[in-house]
Amino acid sequence: SSENERNGLVIDSPNGTIAAVQIAGLVARRIVCWAEQGGTIAIGERFGLIRFGSRVDVFLPKNAVPRVAVGQTAVGGETVLAEFGGTAVTPLVRIS
């Protein structure tokens, strides 16, 4: 629903631009995001949370090879969502 609380994050990496949208339900409305514009984030690092849970939509570049299925539950900092040619280019990426 368009009334749900949302927070968008754009990550510029050597592998392409990645976007994540945290979405909290009407009841939860408790998004926390620790990432700061212009900062960096490490591969696997948690950038925030949604109190009481909800969902995060992730948008990957075309060269990404998905390692999860649509609707699959993923654990932040643990579940590998996609690979980019099998290797990580850099451990840190910039947040736009």
PDB file of N, CA and C in Angstrom:
ATOM      1  N   SER A   1       0.831  -1.190   0.000  1.00  0.00           N
ATOM      2  CA  SER A   1       0.000   0.000   0.000  1.00  0.00           C
ATOM      3  C   SER A   1       0.873   1.250   0.000  1.00  0.00           C
ATOM      4  N   SER A   2       0.406   2.301  -0.618  1.00  0.00           N
ATOM      5  CA  SER A   2       1.168   3.549  -0.661  1.00  0.00           C
ATOM      6  C   SER A   2       1.205   4.237   0.696  1.00  0.00           C
ATOM      7  N   GLU A   3       0.391   3.788   1.647  1.00  0.00           N
ATOM      8  CA  GLU A   3       0.369   4.373   2.985  1.00  0.00           C
ATOM      9  C   GLU A   3       1.422   3.759   3.903  1.00  0.00           C
ATOM     10  N   ASN A   4       2.032   2.666   3.486  1.00  0.00           N
ATOM     11  CA  ASN A   4       3.057   2.024   4.307  1.00  0.00           C
ATOM     12  C   ASN A   4       4.298   2.896   4.386  1.00  0.00           C
ATOM     13  N   GLU A   5       4.968   2.863   5.538  1.00  0.00           N
ATOM     14  CA  GLU A   5       6.227   3.593   5.694  1.00  0.00           C
ATOM     15  C   GLU A   5       7.274   2.947   4.798  1.00  0.00           C
ATOM     16  N   ARG A   6       8.098   3.769   4.124  1.00  0.00           N
ATOM     17  CA  ARG A   6       9.130   3.274   3.210  1.00  0.00           C
ATOM     18  C   ARG A   6      10.415   4.059   3.391  1.00  0.00           C
ATOM     19  N   ASN A   7      11.518   3.395   3.086  1.00  0.00           N
ATOM     20  CA  ASN A   7      12.823   4.052   3.075  1.00  0.00           C
ATOM     21  C   ASN A   7      13.618   3.458   1.927  1.00  0.00           C
ATOM     22  N   GLY A   8      14.152   4.311   1.058  1.00  0.00           N
ATOM     23  CA  GLY A   8      14.930   3.839  -0.084  1.00  0.00           C
ATOM     24  C   GLY A   8      16.411   4.064   0.110  1.00  0.00           C
ATOM     25  N   LEU A   9      17.205   3.137  -0.404  1.00  0.00           N
ATOM     26  CA  LEU A   9      18.661   3.208  -0.306  1.00  0.00           C
ATOM     27  C   LEU A   9      19.233   2.839  -1.669  1.00  0.00           C
ATOM     28  N   VAL A  10      20.116   3.674  -2.206  1.00  0.00           N
ATOM     29  CA  VAL A  10      20.777   3.390  -3.478  1.00  0.00           C
ATOM     30  C   VAL A  10      22.252   3.182  -3.192  1.00  0.00           C
ATOM     31  N   ILE A  11      22.787   2.064  -3.668  1.00  0.00           N
ATOM     32  CA  ILE A  11      24.182   1.706  -3.421  1.00  0.00           C
ATOM     33  C   ILE A  11      24.909   1.647  -4.756  1.00  0.00           C
ATOM     34  N   ASP A  12      25.952   2.453  -4.896  1.00  0.00           N
ATOM     35  CA  ASP A  12      26.781   2.446  -6.100  1.00  0.00           C
ATOM     36  C   ASP A  12      27.980   1.553  -5.840  1.00  0.00           C
ATOM     37  N   SER A  13      28.102   0.485  -6.618  1.00  0.00           N
ATOM     38  CA  SER A  13      29.230  -0.434  -6.452  1.00  0.00           C
ATOM     39  C   SER A  13      29.912  -0.636  -7.796  1.00  0.00           C
ATOM     40  N   PRO A  14      31.120  -1.182  -7.800  1.00  0.00           N
ATOM     41  CA  PRO A  14      31.797  -1.467  -9.066  1.00  0.00           C
ATOM     42  C   PRO A  14      31.011  -2.452  -9.939  1.00  0.00           C
ATOM     43  N   ASN A  15      30.107  -3.210  -9.321  1.00  0.00           N
ATOM     44  CA  ASN A  15      29.301  -4.185 -10.049  1.00  0.00           C
ATOM     45  C   ASN A  15      28.009  -3.596 -10.592  1.00  0.00           C
ATOM     46  N   GLY A  16      27.734  -2.332 -10.299  1.00  0.00           N
ATOM     47  CA  GLY A  16      26.506  -1.693 -10.742  1.00  0.00           C
ATOM     48  C   GLY A  16      25.753  -1.078  -9.581  1.00  0.00           C
ATOM     49  N   THR A  17      24.639  -0.462  -9.897  1.00  0.00           N
ATOM     50  CA  THR A  17      23.818   0.194  -8.880  1.00  0.00           C
ATOM     51  C   THR A  17      22.803  -0.791  -8.320  1.00  0.00           C
ATOM     52  N   ILE A  18      22.704  -0.816  -7.004  1.00  0.00           N
ATOM     53  CA  ILE A  18      21.776  -1.688  -6.290  1.00  0.00           C
ATOM     54  C   ILE A  18      20.850  -0.786  -5.487  1.00  0.00           C
ATOM     55  N   ALA A  19      19.567  -1.091  -5.482  1.00  0.00           N
ATOM     56  CA  ALA A  19      18.617  -0.313  -4.691  1.00  0.00           C
ATOM     57  C   ALA A  19      17.876  -1.240  -3.741  1.00  0.00           C
ATOM     58  N   ALA A  20      17.599  -0.738  -2.550  1.00  0.00           N
ATOM     59  CA  ALA A  20      16.818  -1.479  -1.564  1.00  0.00           C
ATOM     60  C   ALA A  20      15.746  -0.544  -1.017  1.00  0.00           C
ATOM     61  N   VAL A  21      14.530  -1.057  -0.910  1.00  0.00           N
ATOM     62  CA  VAL A  21      13.430  -0.278  -0.349  1.00  0.00           C
ATOM     63  C   VAL A  21      12.892  -1.040   0.854  1.00  0.00           C
ATOM     64  N   GLN A  22      13.068  -0.450   2.043  1.00  0.00           N
ATOM     65  CA  GLN A  22      12.519  -1.033   3.267  1.00  0.00           C
ATOM     66  C   GLN A  22      11.047  -0.627   3.330  1.00  0.00           C
ATOM     67  N   ILE A  23      10.162  -1.592   3.575  1.00  0.00           N
ATOM     68  CA  ILE A  23       8.726  -1.316   3.613  1.00  0.00           C
ATOM     69  C   ILE A  23       8.156  -1.895   4.903  1.00  0.00           C
ATOM     70  N   ALA A  24       7.552  -1.031   5.721  1.00  0.00           N
ATOM     71  CA  ALA A  24       6.925  -1.469   6.968  1.00  0.00           C
ATOM     72  C   ALA A  24       5.416  -1.453   6.787  1.00  0.00           C
ATOM     73  N   GLY A  25       4.735  -2.393   7.422  1.00  0.00           N
ATOM     74  CA  GLY A  25       3.281  -2.438   7.348  1.00  0.00           C
ATOM     75  C   GLY A  25       2.648  -1.286   8.105  1.00  0.00           C
ATOM     76  N   LEU A  26       1.352  -1.138   7.953  1.00  0.00           N
ATOM     77  CA  LEU A  26       0.631  -0.049   8.613  1.00  0.00           C
ATOM     78  C   LEU A  26       0.789  -0.089  10.125  1.00  0.00           C
ATOM     79  N   VAL A  27       0.798  -1.286  10.692  1.00  0.00           N
ATOM     80  CA  VAL A  27       0.906  -1.416  12.144  1.00  0.00           C
ATOM     81  C   VAL A  27       2.332  -1.162  12.602  1.00  0.00           C
ATOM     82  N   ALA A  28       3.309  -1.697  11.875  1.00  0.00           N
ATOM     83  CA  ALA A  28       4.704  -1.599  12.317  1.00  0.00           C
ATOM     84  C   ALA A  28       5.216  -0.161  12.259  1.00  0.00           C
ATOM     85  N   ARG A  29       5.257   0.413  11.069  1.00  0.00           N
ATOM     86  CA  ARG A  29       5.758   1.780  10.868  1.00  0.00           C
ATOM     87  C   ARG A  29       6.992   2.084  11.710  1.00  0.00           C
ATOM     88  N   ARG A  30       7.959   1.218  11.661  1.00  0.00           N
ATOM     89  CA  ARG A  30       9.152   1.370  12.487  1.00  0.00           C
ATOM     90  C   ARG A  30      10.414   1.036  11.709  1.00  0.00           C
ATOM     91  N   ILE A  31      10.710   1.802  10.680  1.00  0.00           N
ATOM     92  CA  ILE A  31      11.919   1.569   9.898  1.00  0.00           C
ATOM     93  C   ILE A  31      13.085   2.296  10.546  1.00  0.00           C
ATOM     94  N   VAL A  32      14.202   1.587  10.667  1.00  0.00           N
ATOM     95  CA  VAL A  32      15.447   2.172  11.164  1.00  0.00           C
ATOM     96  C   VAL A  32      16.497   1.958  10.077  1.00  0.00           C
ATOM     97  N   CYS A  33      17.211   3.011   9.692  1.00  0.00           N
ATOM     98  CA  CYS A  33      18.270   2.903   8.691  1.00  0.00           C
ATOM     99  C   CYS A  33      19.513   3.592   9.224  1.00  0.00           C
ATOM    100  N   TRP A  34      20.598   2.826   9.363  1.00  0.00           N
ATOM    101  CA  TRP A  34      21.853   3.365   9.890  1.00  0.00           C
ATOM    102  C   TRP A  34      22.740   3.934   8.788  1.00  0.00           C
ATOM    103  N   ALA A  35      22.482   3.567   7.550  1.00  0.00           N
ATOM    104  CA  ALA A  35      23.317   4.032   6.435  1.00  0.00           C
ATOM    105  C   ALA A  35      23.130   5.529   6.237  1.00  0.00           C
ATOM    106  N   GLU A  36      24.220   6.207   5.893  1.00  0.00           N
ATOM    107  CA  GLU A  36      24.165   7.648   5.665  1.00  0.00           C
ATOM    108  C   GLU A  36      24.587   7.965   4.237  1.00  0.00           C
ATOM    109  N   GLN A  37      23.939   8.950   3.641  1.00  0.00           N
ATOM    110  CA  GLN A  37      24.273   9.357   2.281  1.00  0.00           C
ATOM    111  C   GLN A  37      25.745   9.739   2.202  1.00  0.00           C
ATOM    112  N   GLY A  38      26.431   9.219   1.177  1.00  0.00           N
ATOM    113  CA  GLY A  38      27.853   9.492   0.991  1.00  0.00           C
ATOM    114  C   GLY A  38      28.754   8.576   1.788  1.00  0.00           C
ATOM    115  N   GLY A  39      28.178   7.764   2.656  1.00  0.00           N
ATOM    116  CA  GLY A  39      28.964   6.826   3.465  1.00  0.00           C
ATOM    117  C   GLY A  39      29.294   5.568   2.691  1.00  0.00           C
ATOM    118  N   THR A  40      29.872   4.613   3.372  1.00  0.00           N
ATOM    119  CA  THR A  40      30.183   3.321   2.756  1.00  0.00           C
ATOM    120  C   THR A  40      29.551   2.216   3.581  1.00  0.00           C
ATOM    121  N   ILE A  41      29.376   1.083   2.934  1.00  0.00           N
ATOM    122  CA  ILE A  41      28.816  -0.087   3.592  1.00  0.00           C
ATOM    123  C   ILE A  41      29.586  -1.304   3.094  1.00  0.00           C
ATOM    124  N   ALA A  42      29.881  -2.228   3.985  1.00  0.00           N
ATOM    125  CA  ALA A  42      30.631  -3.428   3.620  1.00  0.00           C
ATOM    126  C   ALA A  42      29.681  -4.507   3.104  1.00  0.00           C
ATOM    127  N   ILE A  43      30.204  -5.379   2.276  1.00  0.00           N
ATOM    128  CA  ILE A  43      29.417  -6.508   1.797  1.00  0.00           C
ATOM    129  C   ILE A  43      28.973  -7.322   3.008  1.00  0.00           C
ATOM    130  N   GLY A  44      27.682  -7.620   3.093  1.00  0.00           N
ATOM    131  CA  GLY A  44      27.132  -8.387   4.203  1.00  0.00           C
ATOM    132  C   GLY A  44      26.774  -7.562   5.427  1.00  0.00           C
ATOM    133  N   GLU A  45      27.114  -6.279   5.418  1.00  0.00           N
ATOM    134  CA  GLU A  45      26.819  -5.424   6.577  1.00  0.00           C
ATOM    135  C   GLU A  45      25.338  -5.055   6.598  1.00  0.00           C
ATOM    136  N   ARG A  46      24.740  -5.104   7.768  1.00  0.00           N
ATOM    137  CA  ARG A  46      23.350  -4.681   7.905  1.00  0.00           C
ATOM    138  C   ARG A  46      23.289  -3.165   7.849  1.00  0.00           C
ATOM    139  N   PHE A  47      22.321  -2.628   7.118  1.00  0.00           N
ATOM    140  CA  PHE A  47      22.196  -1.175   7.004  1.00  0.00           C
ATOM    141  C   PHE A  47      20.985  -0.640   7.751  1.00  0.00           C
ATOM    142  N   GLY A  48      20.180  -1.514   8.326  1.00  0.00           N
ATOM    143  CA  GLY A  48      19.004  -1.076   9.062  1.00  0.00           C
ATOM    144  C   GLY A  48      18.132  -2.250   9.441  1.00  0.00           C
ATOM    145  N   LEU A  49      16.946  -1.929   9.940  1.00  0.00           N
ATOM    146  CA  LEU A  49      15.996  -2.970  10.314  1.00  0.00           C
ATOM    147  C   LEU A  49      14.590  -2.402  10.275  1.00  0.00           C
ATOM    148  N   ILE A  50      13.632  -3.313  10.306  1.00  0.00           N
ATOM    149  CA  ILE A  50      12.231  -2.925  10.400  1.00  0.00           C
ATOM    150  C   ILE A  50      11.703  -3.595  11.656  1.00  0.00           C
ATOM    151  N   ARG A  51      11.403  -2.790  12.669  1.00  0.00           N
ATOM    152  CA  ARG A  51      10.889  -3.352  13.919  1.00  0.00           C
ATOM    153  C   ARG A  51       9.579  -4.078  13.628  1.00  0.00           C
ATOM    154  N   PHE A  52       9.413  -5.240  14.217  1.00  0.00           N
ATOM    155  CA  PHE A  52       8.253  -6.112  14.027  1.00  0.00           C
ATOM    156  C   PHE A  52       8.224  -6.742  12.639  1.00  0.00           C
ATOM    157  N   GLY A  53       9.282  -6.534  11.853  1.00  0.00           N
ATOM    158  CA  GLY A  53       9.407  -7.182  10.552  1.00  0.00           C
ATOM    159  C   GLY A  53       8.515  -6.596   9.475  1.00  0.00           C
ATOM    160  N   SER A  54       8.797  -6.933   8.275  1.00  0.00           N
ATOM    161  CA  SER A  54       8.010  -6.587   7.101  1.00  0.00           C
ATOM    162  C   SER A  54       8.787  -7.061   5.894  1.00  0.00           C
ATOM    163  N   ARG A  55       9.120  -6.171   4.940  1.00  0.00           N
ATOM    164  CA  ARG A  55       9.850  -6.654   3.769  1.00  0.00           C
ATOM    165  C   ARG A  55      10.798  -5.595   3.235  1.00  0.00           C
ATOM    166  N   VAL A  56      11.750  -6.076   2.437  1.00  0.00           N
ATOM    167  CA  VAL A  56      12.686  -5.202   1.738  1.00  0.00           C
ATOM    168  C   VAL A  56      12.688  -5.636   0.276  1.00  0.00           C
ATOM    169  N   ASP A  57      12.392  -4.711  -0.621  1.00  0.00           N
ATOM    170  CA  ASP A  57      12.480  -4.983  -2.057  1.00  0.00           C
ATOM    171  C   ASP A  57      13.889  -4.614  -2.498  1.00  0.00           C
ATOM    172  N   VAL A  58      14.542  -5.517  -3.227  1.00  0.00           N
ATOM    173  CA  VAL A  58      15.915  -5.295  -3.679  1.00  0.00           C
ATOM    174  C   VAL A  58      15.924  -5.294  -5.203  1.00  0.00           C
ATOM    175  N   PHE A  59      16.572  -4.284  -5.775  1.00  0.00           N
ATOM    176  CA  PHE A  59      16.672  -4.145  -7.225  1.00  0.00           C
ATOM    177  C   PHE A  59      18.141  -4.260  -7.607  1.00  0.00           C
ATOM    178  N   LEU A  60      18.458  -5.261  -8.438  1.00  0.00           N
ATOM    179  CA  LEU A  60      19.839  -5.570  -8.805  1.00  0.00           C
ATOM    180  C   LEU A  60      20.110  -5.204 -10.259  1.00  0.00           C
ATOM    181  N   PRO A  61      21.387  -4.936 -10.603  1.00  0.00           N
ATOM    182  CA  PRO A  61      21.722  -4.665 -11.999  1.00  0.00           C
ATOM    183  C   PRO A  61      21.556  -5.929 -12.852  1.00  0.00           C
ATOM    184  N   LYS A  62      21.484  -5.749 -14.155  1.00  0.00           N
ATOM    185  CA  LYS A  62      21.254  -6.874 -15.069  1.00  0.00           C
ATOM    186  C   LYS A  62      22.339  -7.941 -15.010  1.00  0.00           C
ATOM    187  N   ASN A  63      23.566  -7.567 -14.626  1.00  0.00           N
ATOM    188  CA  ASN A  63      24.649  -8.550 -14.601  1.00  0.00           C
ATOM    189  C   ASN A  63      24.642  -9.403 -13.333  1.00  0.00           C
ATOM    190  N   ALA A  64      23.705  -9.177 -12.433  1.00  0.00           N
ATOM    191  CA  ALA A  64      23.622  -9.960 -11.198  1.00  0.00           C
ATOM    192  C   ALA A  64      23.023 -11.335 -11.483  1.00  0.00           C
ATOM    193  N   VAL A  65      23.579 -12.354 -10.834  1.00  0.00           N
ATOM    194  CA  VAL A  65      23.050 -13.713 -10.935  1.00  0.00           C
ATOM    195  C   VAL A  65      22.341 -14.016  -9.613  1.00  0.00           C
ATOM    196  N   PRO A  66      21.005 -14.051  -9.619  1.00  0.00           N
ATOM    197  CA  PRO A  66      20.262 -14.269  -8.375  1.00  0.00           C
ATOM    198  C   PRO A  66      20.595 -15.610  -7.729  1.00  0.00           C
ATOM    199  N   ARG A  67      20.648 -15.625  -6.407  1.00  0.00           N
ATOM    200  CA  ARG A  67      20.884 -16.847  -5.639  1.00  0.00           C
ATOM    201  C   ARG A  67      19.724 -17.137  -4.701  1.00  0.00           C
ATOM    202  N   VAL A  68      18.633 -16.369  -4.860  1.00  0.00           N
ATOM    203  CA  VAL A  68      17.412 -16.584  -4.090  1.00  0.00           C
ATOM    204  C   VAL A  68      16.225 -16.532  -5.048  1.00  0.00           C
ATOM    205  N   ALA A  69      15.094 -17.056  -4.598  1.00  0.00           N
ATOM    206  CA  ALA A  69      13.877 -17.034  -5.403  1.00  0.00           C
ATOM    207  C   ALA A  69      12.980 -15.886  -4.945  1.00  0.00           C
ATOM    208  N   VAL A  70      12.124 -15.409  -5.836  1.00  0.00           N
ATOM    209  CA  VAL A  70      11.156 -14.370  -5.483  1.00  0.00           C
ATOM    210  C   VAL A  70      10.308 -14.886  -4.327  1.00  0.00           C
ATOM    211  N   GLY A  71      10.185 -14.077  -3.277  1.00  0.00           N
ATOM    212  CA  GLY A  71       9.382 -14.450  -2.116  1.00  0.00           C
ATOM    213  C   GLY A  71      10.116 -15.254  -1.059  1.00  0.00           C
ATOM    214  N   GLN A  72      11.334 -15.682  -1.343  1.00  0.00           N
ATOM    215  CA  GLN A  72      12.112 -16.457  -0.373  1.00  0.00           C
ATOM    216  C   GLN A  72      12.492 -15.571   0.807  1.00  0.00           C
ATOM    217  N   THR A  73      12.445 -16.114   2.014  1.00  0.00           N
ATOM    218  CA  THR A  73      12.872 -15.376   3.198  1.00  0.00           C
ATOM    219  C   THR A  73      14.389 -15.291   3.205  1.00  0.00           C
ATOM    220  N   ALA A  74      14.906 -14.090   3.430  1.00  0.00           N
ATOM    221  CA  ALA A  74      16.353 -13.874   3.493  1.00  0.00           C
ATOM    222  C   ALA A  74      16.693 -13.267   4.851  1.00  0.00           C
ATOM    223  N   VAL A  75      17.876 -13.581   5.356  1.00  0.00           N
ATOM    224  CA  VAL A  75      18.341 -13.057   6.637  1.00  0.00           C
ATOM    225  C   VAL A  75      19.434 -12.031   6.365  1.00  0.00           C
ATOM    226  N   GLY A  76      19.230 -10.795   6.844  1.00  0.00           N
ATOM    227  CA  GLY A  76      20.188  -9.716   6.629  1.00  0.00           C
ATOM    228  C   GLY A  76      21.577 -10.066   7.113  1.00  0.00           C
ATOM    229  N   GLY A  77      22.572  -9.831   6.268  1.00  0.00           N
ATOM    230  CA  GLY A  77      23.953 -10.102   6.639  1.00  0.00           C
ATOM    231  C   GLY A  77      24.355 -11.560   6.511  1.00  0.00           C
ATOM    232  N   GLU A  78      23.400 -12.449   6.174  1.00  0.00           N
ATOM    233  CA  GLU A  78      23.695 -13.883   6.068  1.00  0.00           C
ATOM    234  C   GLU A  78      23.361 -14.460   4.698  1.00  0.00           C
ATOM    235  N   THR A  79      22.181 -14.157   4.184  1.00  0.00           N
ATOM    236  CA  THR A  79      21.728 -14.735   2.926  1.00  0.00           C
ATOM    237  C   THR A  79      22.377 -14.019   1.741  1.00  0.00           C
ATOM    238  N   VAL A  80      23.005 -14.783   0.849  1.00  0.00           N
ATOM    239  CA  VAL A  80      23.576 -14.222  -0.378  1.00  0.00           C
ATOM    240  C   VAL A  80      22.427 -14.064  -1.370  1.00  0.00           C
ATOM    241  N   LEU A  81      22.160 -12.829  -1.770  1.00  0.00           N
ATOM    242  CA  LEU A  81      21.060 -12.568  -2.690  1.00  0.00           C
ATOM    243  C   LEU A  81      21.454 -12.779  -4.139  1.00  0.00           C
ATOM    244  N   ALA A  82      22.694 -12.412  -4.493  1.00  0.00           N
ATOM    245  CA  ALA A  82      23.145 -12.515  -5.884  1.00  0.00           C
ATOM    246  C   ALA A  82      24.659 -12.524  -5.931  1.00  0.00           C
ATOM    247  N   GLU A  83      25.174 -12.968  -7.073  1.00  0.00           N
ATOM    248  CA  GLU A  83      26.617 -12.930  -7.324  1.00  0.00           C
ATOM    249  C   GLU A  83      26.867 -12.124  -8.588  1.00  0.00           C
ATOM    250  N   PHE A  84      28.055 -11.557  -8.661  1.00  0.00           N
ATOM    251  CA  PHE A  84      28.460 -10.746  -9.802  1.00  0.00           C
ATOM    252  C   PHE A  84      29.745 -11.333 -10.365  1.00  0.00           C
ATOM    253  N   GLY A  85      29.641 -12.290 -11.237  1.00  0.00           N
ATOM    254  CA  GLY A  85      30.822 -12.906 -11.827  1.00  0.00           C
ATOM    255  C   GLY A  85      31.581 -13.806 -10.863  1.00  0.00           C
ATOM    256  N   GLY A  86      30.964 -14.153  -9.743  1.00  0.00           N
ATOM    257  CA  GLY A  86      31.562 -15.102  -8.812  1.00  0.00           C
ATOM    258  C   GLY A  86      32.524 -14.519  -7.803  1.00  0.00           C
ATOM    259  N   THR A  87      32.923 -13.244  -7.941  1.00  0.00           N
ATOM    260  CA  THR A  87      33.858 -12.669  -6.977  1.00  0.00           C
ATOM    261  C   THR A  87      33.409 -11.277  -6.563  1.00  0.00           C
ATOM    262  N   ALA A  88      33.753 -10.923  -5.351  1.00  0.00           N
ATOM    263  CA  ALA A  88      33.475  -9.571  -4.869  1.00  0.00           C
ATOM    264  C   ALA A  88      34.615  -8.677  -5.318  1.00  0.00           C
ATOM    265  N   VAL A  89      34.297  -7.568  -5.955  1.00  0.00           N
ATOM    266  CA  VAL A  89      35.322  -6.657  -6.458  1.00  0.00           C
ATOM    267  C   VAL A  89      35.927  -5.852  -5.323  1.00  0.00           C
ATOM    268  N   THR A  90      35.094  -5.401  -4.403  1.00  0.00           N
ATOM    269  CA  THR A  90      35.555  -4.573  -3.295  1.00  0.00           C
ATOM    270  C   THR A  90      34.683  -4.827  -2.077  1.00  0.00           C
ATOM    271  N   PRO A  91      35.259  -4.784  -0.880  1.00  0.00           N
ATOM    272  CA  PRO A  91      34.448  -5.023   0.303  1.00  0.00           C
ATOM    273  C   PRO A  91      33.595  -3.821   0.715  1.00  0.00           C
ATOM    274  N   LEU A  92      33.890  -2.635   0.194  1.00  0.00           N
ATOM    275  CA  LEU A  92      33.132  -1.440   0.554  1.00  0.00           C
ATOM    276  C   LEU A  92      32.516  -0.804  -0.681  1.00  0.00           C
ATOM    277  N   VAL A  93      31.289  -0.330  -0.537  1.00  0.00           N
ATOM    278  CA  VAL A  93      30.626   0.379  -1.624  1.00  0.00           C
ATOM    279  C   VAL A  93      30.047   1.680  -1.088  1.00  0.00           C
ATOM    280  N   ARG A  94      29.827   2.642  -1.976  1.00  0.00           N
ATOM    281  CA  ARG A  94      29.335   3.970  -1.574  1.00  0.00           C
ATOM    282  C   ARG A  94      27.816   4.024  -1.627  1.00  0.00           C
ATOM    283  N   ILE A  95      27.236   4.711  -0.647  1.00  0.00           N
ATOM    284  CA  ILE A  95      25.799   4.915  -0.583  1.00  0.00           C
ATOM    285  C   ILE A  95      25.479   6.261  -1.211  1.00  0.00           C
ATOM    286  N   SER A  96      24.542   6.281  -2.162  1.00  0.00           N
ATOM    287  CA  SER A  96      24.163   7.533  -2.832  1.00  0.00           C
ATOM    288  C   SER A  96      23.029   8.195  -2.094  1.00  0.00           C
TER     289      SER A  96
END
